[in-house]
Amino acid sequence: MARAGLTPERLTSAAADLADEIGFQNVTVSALARGFGVKPAALYAHVKDAQDLWFRVRELAMGELADRVAAALAGRAGKEALVAFANAYRDYAKEHPGRYAATQLELDPEVAATRAAGRHSELARALLRGYGLSDPDQTDAIRLLGGAFHGYVTLETTGRFATHPRSADVSWSRALDALDVLLRNWPEPEPL
């Protein structure tokens, strides 16, 4: 019988909080069970295994990130939208490091394209339509932006920018200026 008060949603939320506190890689069914004062077996009525729990945290985080990005993009286009999208992404990663790490969890391609990740991708495509990009250029630009945002956030949150006197915020702003110029001047494809 399922323990009263334990639900998949409650466990997912608690696991996401735990990820932010101790790091996503340290979230286990046992660690989560300790937080609820129960034995790990009590959680298996709600989650299949650790991988199921991690996937649920990833989905929660992708949904939260998509909600933030959607709110930031509302009524914006062009550079204003780019800056809003990028700042929502960066702020989320800095405020929720464990949840953000969960968004990087490698998934089967069919699973990865569903749910919240698909919504996040559609928001990125909406941003790029504001620059007049369509596929396959959208796909290339999404990969570029994802790499730039993730790379910057990863380096920043691991302290790699702390040794230089120039503010990471100033460099972030300049990087967004450069990305805006690139998106406005997207190169024509090479003829086949």
C-alpha atoms as a PDB file:
ATOM      1  CA  MET A   1       0.000   0.000   0.000  1.00  0.00           C
ATOM      2  CA  ALA A   2       1.225   3.508  -0.827  1.00  0.00           C
ATOM      3  CA  ARG A   3       2.289   5.595   2.131  1.00  0.00           C
ATOM      4  CA  ALA A   4      -0.129   8.453   2.878  1.00  0.00           C
ATOM      5  CA  GLY A   5       1.023  11.784   1.523  1.00  0.00           C
ATOM      6  CA  LEU A   6       3.555  10.374  -0.899  1.00  0.00           C
ATOM      7  CA  THR A   7       2.735  11.030  -4.547  1.00  0.00           C
ATOM      8  CA  PRO A   8       4.866  11.041  -7.683  1.00  0.00           C
ATOM      9  CA  GLU A   9       4.460  14.827  -7.876  1.00  0.00           C
ATOM     10  CA  ARG A  10       5.481  15.390  -4.258  1.00  0.00           C
ATOM     11  CA  LEU A  11       8.486  13.094  -4.637  1.00  0.00           C
ATOM     12  CA  THR A  12       9.523  14.834  -7.857  1.00  0.00           C
ATOM     13  CA  SER A  13       9.304  18.259  -6.260  1.00  0.00           C
ATOM     14  CA  ALA A  14      11.295  17.092  -3.234  1.00  0.00           C
ATOM     15  CA  ALA A  15      13.899  15.448  -5.484  1.00  0.00           C
ATOM     16  CA  ALA A  16      14.246  18.707  -7.457  1.00  0.00           C
ATOM     17  CA  ASP A  17      14.755  20.643  -4.221  1.00  0.00           C
ATOM     18  CA  LEU A  18      17.284  18.048  -3.094  1.00  0.00           C
ATOM     19  CA  ALA A  19      19.106  18.354  -6.429  1.00  0.00           C
ATOM     20  CA  ASP A  20      19.467  22.099  -5.909  1.00  0.00           C
ATOM     21  CA  GLU A  21      20.760  21.478  -2.395  1.00  0.00           C
ATOM     22  CA  ILE A  22      23.208  18.577  -2.878  1.00  0.00           C
ATOM     23  CA  GLY A  23      23.656  18.345  -6.651  1.00  0.00           C
ATOM     24  CA  PHE A  24      21.642  16.391  -9.177  1.00  0.00           C
ATOM     25  CA  GLN A  25      24.230  13.612  -9.399  1.00  0.00           C
ATOM     26  CA  ASN A  26      23.728  12.947  -5.668  1.00  0.00           C
ATOM     27  CA  VAL A  27      19.961  12.478  -5.821  1.00  0.00           C
ATOM     28  CA  THR A  28      19.123   8.868  -5.062  1.00  0.00           C
ATOM     29  CA  VAL A  29      15.980   7.077  -3.992  1.00  0.00           C
ATOM     30  CA  SER A  30      17.664   6.421  -0.639  1.00  0.00           C
ATOM     31  CA  ALA A  31      18.551  10.088  -0.122  1.00  0.00           C
ATOM     32  CA  LEU A  32      15.005  11.112  -1.010  1.00  0.00           C
ATOM     33  CA  ALA A  33      13.528   8.496   1.317  1.00  0.00           C
ATOM     34  CA  ARG A  34      15.663   9.796   4.193  1.00  0.00           C
ATOM     35  CA  GLY A  35      14.157  13.246   3.645  1.00  0.00           C
ATOM     36  CA  PHE A  36      10.675  11.790   4.081  1.00  0.00           C
ATOM     37  CA  GLY A  37      11.689   9.607   7.025  1.00  0.00           C
ATOM     38  CA  VAL A  38      10.755   6.410   5.210  1.00  0.00           C
ATOM     39  CA  LYS A  39      12.541   3.387   3.822  1.00  0.00           C
ATOM     40  CA  PRO A  40      13.429   3.514   0.098  1.00  0.00           C
ATOM     41  CA  ALA A  41      10.950   0.700  -0.611  1.00  0.00           C
ATOM     42  CA  ALA A  42       8.105   3.075   0.313  1.00  0.00           C
ATOM     43  CA  LEU A  43       8.954   5.249  -2.712  1.00  0.00           C
ATOM     44  CA  TYR A  44       8.776   2.440  -5.245  1.00  0.00           C
ATOM     45  CA  ALA A  45       4.986   2.581  -5.246  1.00  0.00           C
ATOM     46  CA  HIS A  46       5.385   6.041  -6.861  1.00  0.00           C
ATOM     47  CA  VAL A  47       8.593   5.854  -8.929  1.00  0.00           C
ATOM     48  CA  LYS A  48      10.036   2.824 -10.739  1.00  0.00           C
ATOM     49  CA  ASP A  49      13.683   3.471  -9.982  1.00  0.00           C
ATOM     50  CA  ALA A  50      16.313   6.204  -9.757  1.00  0.00           C
ATOM     51  CA  GLN A  51      16.264   6.753 -13.516  1.00  0.00           C
ATOM     52  CA  ASP A  52      12.501   7.315 -13.445  1.00  0.00           C
ATOM     53  CA  LEU A  53      12.986   9.802 -10.607  1.00  0.00           C
ATOM     54  CA  TRP A  54      15.721  11.637 -12.560  1.00  0.00           C
ATOM     55  CA  PHE A  55      13.536  11.780 -15.658  1.00  0.00           C
ATOM     56  CA  ARG A  56      10.709  13.260 -13.577  1.00  0.00           C
ATOM     57  CA  VAL A  57      13.063  15.924 -12.176  1.00  0.00           C
ATOM     58  CA  ARG A  58      14.237  16.685 -15.714  1.00  0.00           C
ATOM     59  CA  GLU A  59      10.654  17.105 -16.910  1.00  0.00           C
ATOM     60  CA  LEU A  60       9.817  19.346 -13.948  1.00  0.00           C
ATOM     61  CA  ALA A  61      12.897  21.488 -14.578  1.00  0.00           C
ATOM     62  CA  MET A  62      12.281  21.722 -18.345  1.00  0.00           C
ATOM     63  CA  GLY A  63       8.699  22.787 -17.637  1.00  0.00           C
ATOM     64  CA  GLU A  64       9.807  25.428 -15.147  1.00  0.00           C
ATOM     65  CA  LEU A  65      12.436  26.705 -17.561  1.00  0.00           C
ATOM     66  CA  ALA A  66       9.936  26.804 -20.434  1.00  0.00           C
ATOM     67  CA  ASP A  67       7.475  28.732 -18.228  1.00  0.00           C
ATOM     68  CA  ARG A  68      10.173  31.292 -17.384  1.00  0.00           C
ATOM     69  CA  VAL A  69      11.248  31.670 -20.987  1.00  0.00           C
ATOM     70  CA  ALA A  70       7.635  32.002 -22.189  1.00  0.00           C
ATOM     71  CA  ALA A  71       6.950  34.746 -19.654  1.00  0.00           C
ATOM     72  CA  ALA A  72      10.182  36.522 -20.590  1.00  0.00           C
ATOM     73  CA  LEU A  73       9.448  36.348 -24.338  1.00  0.00           C
ATOM     74  CA  ALA A  74       5.879  37.659 -24.109  1.00  0.00           C
ATOM     75  CA  GLY A  75       5.516  40.696 -26.363  1.00  0.00           C
ATOM     76  CA  ARG A  76       9.177  40.788 -27.344  1.00  0.00           C
ATOM     77  CA  ALA A  77      10.982  40.227 -30.637  1.00  0.00           C
ATOM     78  CA  GLY A  78      14.482  40.518 -32.047  1.00  0.00           C
ATOM     79  CA  LYS A  79      17.284  41.457 -29.689  1.00  0.00           C
ATOM     80  CA  GLU A  80      14.888  42.239 -26.854  1.00  0.00           C
ATOM     81  CA  ALA A  81      13.522  38.680 -27.099  1.00  0.00           C
ATOM     82  CA  LEU A  82      17.017  37.192 -27.346  1.00  0.00           C
ATOM     83  CA  VAL A  83      18.147  38.994 -24.193  1.00  0.00           C
ATOM     84  CA  ALA A  84      14.965  38.037 -22.324  1.00  0.00           C
ATOM     85  CA  PHE A  85      15.289  34.369 -23.357  1.00  0.00           C
ATOM     86  CA  ALA A  86      18.979  34.229 -22.495  1.00  0.00           C
ATOM     87  CA  ASN A  87      18.549  35.941 -19.133  1.00  0.00           C
ATOM     88  CA  ALA A  88      15.673  33.639 -18.167  1.00  0.00           C
ATOM     89  CA  TYR A  89      17.875  30.657 -19.048  1.00  0.00           C
ATOM     90  CA  ARG A  90      20.923  31.967 -17.177  1.00  0.00           C
ATOM     91  CA  ASP A  91      18.959  33.053 -14.108  1.00  0.00           C
ATOM     92  CA  TYR A  92      17.221  29.686 -13.859  1.00  0.00           C
ATOM     93  CA  ALA A  93      20.541  27.830 -14.116  1.00  0.00           C
ATOM     94  CA  LYS A  94      22.095  29.987 -11.391  1.00  0.00           C
ATOM     95  CA  GLU A  95      19.073  29.843  -9.061  1.00  0.00           C
ATOM     96  CA  HIS A  96      18.456  26.112  -9.517  1.00  0.00           C
ATOM     97  CA  PRO A  97      21.787  24.409 -10.216  1.00  0.00           C
ATOM     98  CA  GLY A  98      20.520  20.895  -9.515  1.00  0.00           C
ATOM     99  CA  ARG A  99      17.401  21.290 -11.592  1.00  0.00           C
ATOM    100  CA  TYR A 100      19.457  22.839 -14.377  1.00  0.00           C
ATOM    101  CA  ALA A 101      21.851  19.873 -14.288  1.00  0.00           C
ATOM    102  CA  ALA A 102      18.806  17.608 -14.686  1.00  0.00           C
ATOM    103  CA  THR A 103      17.892  19.392 -17.930  1.00  0.00           C
ATOM    104  CA  GLN A 104      21.171  18.102 -19.360  1.00  0.00           C
ATOM    105  CA  LEU A 105      20.273  14.465 -18.685  1.00  0.00           C
ATOM    106  CA  GLU A 106      20.795  12.430 -21.829  1.00  0.00           C
ATOM    107  CA  LEU A 107      17.597  10.841 -23.073  1.00  0.00           C
ATOM    108  CA  ASP A 108      16.437   8.617 -25.845  1.00  0.00           C
ATOM    109  CA  PRO A 109      15.734  10.958 -28.825  1.00  0.00           C
ATOM    110  CA  GLU A 110      12.047   9.984 -28.939  1.00  0.00           C
ATOM    111  CA  VAL A 111      11.612  10.774 -25.251  1.00  0.00           C
ATOM    112  CA  ALA A 112      13.685  13.966 -25.452  1.00  0.00           C
ATOM    113  CA  ALA A 113      11.425  15.448 -28.130  1.00  0.00           C
ATOM    114  CA  THR A 114       8.292  15.085 -26.037  1.00  0.00           C
ATOM    115  CA  ARG A 115       6.753  17.114 -23.270  1.00  0.00           C
ATOM    116  CA  ALA A 116       8.500  20.132 -21.784  1.00  0.00           C
ATOM    117  CA  ALA A 117      11.645  19.851 -23.915  1.00  0.00           C
ATOM    118  CA  GLY A 118       9.502  20.180 -27.036  1.00  0.00           C
ATOM    119  CA  ARG A 119       7.841  23.279 -25.592  1.00  0.00           C
ATOM    120  CA  HIS A 120      11.235  24.802 -24.831  1.00  0.00           C
ATOM    121  CA  SER A 121      12.372  24.082 -28.392  1.00  0.00           C
ATOM    122  CA  GLU A 122       9.249  25.744 -29.807  1.00  0.00           C
ATOM    123  CA  LEU A 123       9.974  28.870 -27.760  1.00  0.00           C
ATOM    124  CA  ALA A 124      13.480  28.966 -29.228  1.00  0.00           C
ATOM    125  CA  ARG A 125      12.013  28.584 -32.719  1.00  0.00           C
ATOM    126  CA  ALA A 126       9.597  31.457 -32.049  1.00  0.00           C
ATOM    127  CA  LEU A 127      12.550  33.619 -31.013  1.00  0.00           C
ATOM    128  CA  LEU A 128      14.377  32.747 -34.236  1.00  0.00           C
ATOM    129  CA  ARG A 129      11.361  33.424 -36.448  1.00  0.00           C
ATOM    130  CA  GLY A 130      11.673  36.984 -35.170  1.00  0.00           C
ATOM    131  CA  TYR A 131      15.055  37.032 -36.903  1.00  0.00           C
ATOM    132  CA  GLY A 132      13.549  35.680 -40.108  1.00  0.00           C
ATOM    133  CA  LEU A 133      15.145  32.254 -39.760  1.00  0.00           C
ATOM    134  CA  SER A 134      13.410  29.090 -40.884  1.00  0.00           C
ATOM    135  CA  ASP A 135      14.575  25.497 -40.966  1.00  0.00           C
ATOM    136  CA  PRO A 136      17.200  24.186 -41.407  1.00  0.00           C
ATOM    137  CA  ASP A 137      18.786  27.450 -40.231  1.00  0.00           C
ATOM    138  CA  GLN A 138      16.590  27.443 -37.106  1.00  0.00           C
ATOM    139  CA  THR A 139      18.006  24.093 -36.077  1.00  0.00           C
ATOM    140  CA  ASP A 140      21.563  25.324 -36.566  1.00  0.00           C
ATOM    141  CA  ALA A 141      20.846  28.528 -34.636  1.00  0.00           C
ATOM    142  CA  ILE A 142      19.145  26.632 -31.784  1.00  0.00           C
ATOM    143  CA  ARG A 143      22.232  24.464 -31.441  1.00  0.00           C
ATOM    144  CA  LEU A 144      24.478  27.523 -31.487  1.00  0.00           C
ATOM    145  CA  LEU A 145      22.427  29.366 -28.867  1.00  0.00           C
ATOM    146  CA  GLY A 146      22.116  26.273 -26.691  1.00  0.00           C
ATOM    147  CA  GLY A 147      25.853  25.722 -26.816  1.00  0.00           C
ATOM    148  CA  ALA A 148      26.611  29.368 -26.090  1.00  0.00           C
ATOM    149  CA  PHE A 149      24.149  29.642 -23.194  1.00  0.00           C
ATOM    150  CA  HIS A 150      25.056  26.297 -21.637  1.00  0.00           C
ATOM    151  CA  GLY A 151      28.772  26.858 -22.074  1.00  0.00           C
ATOM    152  CA  TYR A 152      28.655  30.306 -20.531  1.00  0.00           C
ATOM    153  CA  VAL A 153      26.478  29.233 -17.593  1.00  0.00           C
ATOM    154  CA  THR A 154      28.618  26.165 -16.939  1.00  0.00           C
ATOM    155  CA  LEU A 155      31.851  28.159 -16.937  1.00  0.00           C
ATOM    156  CA  GLU A 156      30.325  30.913 -14.818  1.00  0.00           C
ATOM    157  CA  THR A 157      28.780  28.630 -12.194  1.00  0.00           C
ATOM    158  CA  THR A 158      31.988  26.614 -11.820  1.00  0.00           C
ATOM    159  CA  GLY A 159      33.958  29.779 -11.056  1.00  0.00           C
ATOM    160  CA  ARG A 160      35.959  29.885 -14.277  1.00  0.00           C
ATOM    161  CA  PHE A 161      35.293  33.610 -14.768  1.00  0.00           C
ATOM    162  CA  ALA A 162      36.083  34.626 -11.194  1.00  0.00           C
ATOM    163  CA  THR A 163      39.801  35.137 -11.805  1.00  0.00           C
ATOM    164  CA  HIS A 164      39.409  38.012 -14.257  1.00  0.00           C
ATOM    165  CA  PRO A 165      38.506  41.548 -13.116  1.00  0.00           C
ATOM    166  CA  ARG A 166      35.975  42.049 -15.955  1.00  0.00           C
ATOM    167  CA  SER A 167      32.479  41.303 -14.711  1.00  0.00           C
ATOM    168  CA  ALA A 168      30.836  38.123 -16.004  1.00  0.00           C
ATOM    169  CA  ASP A 169      27.645  40.187 -16.411  1.00  0.00           C
ATOM    170  CA  VAL A 170      29.411  42.598 -18.778  1.00  0.00           C
ATOM    171  CA  SER A 171      30.821  39.727 -20.810  1.00  0.00           C
ATOM    172  CA  TRP A 172      27.358  38.103 -20.907  1.00  0.00           C
ATOM    173  CA  SER A 173      25.857  41.305 -22.254  1.00  0.00           C
ATOM    174  CA  ARG A 174      28.580  41.575 -24.907  1.00  0.00           C
ATOM    175  CA  ALA A 175      28.074  37.935 -25.887  1.00  0.00           C
ATOM    176  CA  LEU A 176      24.363  38.615 -26.381  1.00  0.00           C
ATOM    177  CA  ASP A 177      25.220  41.671 -28.504  1.00  0.00           C
ATOM    178  CA  ALA A 178      27.419  39.444 -30.674  1.00  0.00           C
ATOM    179  CA  LEU A 179      24.752  36.736 -30.952  1.00  0.00           C
ATOM    180  CA  ASP A 180      22.189  39.354 -31.998  1.00  0.00           C
ATOM    181  CA  VAL A 181      24.513  40.594 -34.762  1.00  0.00           C
ATOM    182  CA  LEU A 182      25.078  37.030 -35.912  1.00  0.00           C
ATOM    183  CA  LEU A 183      21.366  36.186 -35.960  1.00  0.00           C
ATOM    184  CA  ARG A 184      20.553  39.378 -37.886  1.00  0.00           C
ATOM    185  CA  ASN A 185      23.260  38.518 -40.415  1.00  0.00           C
ATOM    186  CA  TRP A 186      22.832  34.770 -40.615  1.00  0.00           C
ATOM    187  CA  PRO A 187      24.983  33.418 -43.447  1.00  0.00           C
ATOM    188  CA  GLU A 188      23.412  32.065 -46.598  1.00  0.00           C
ATOM    189  CA  PRO A 189      23.810  28.300 -46.986  1.00  0.00           C
ATOM    190  CA  GLU A 190      26.608  27.005 -49.151  1.00  0.00           C
ATOM    191  CA  PRO A 191      25.362  25.778 -52.543  1.00  0.00           C
ATOM    192  CA  LEU A 192      25.383  22.003 -52.818  1.00  0.00           C
END
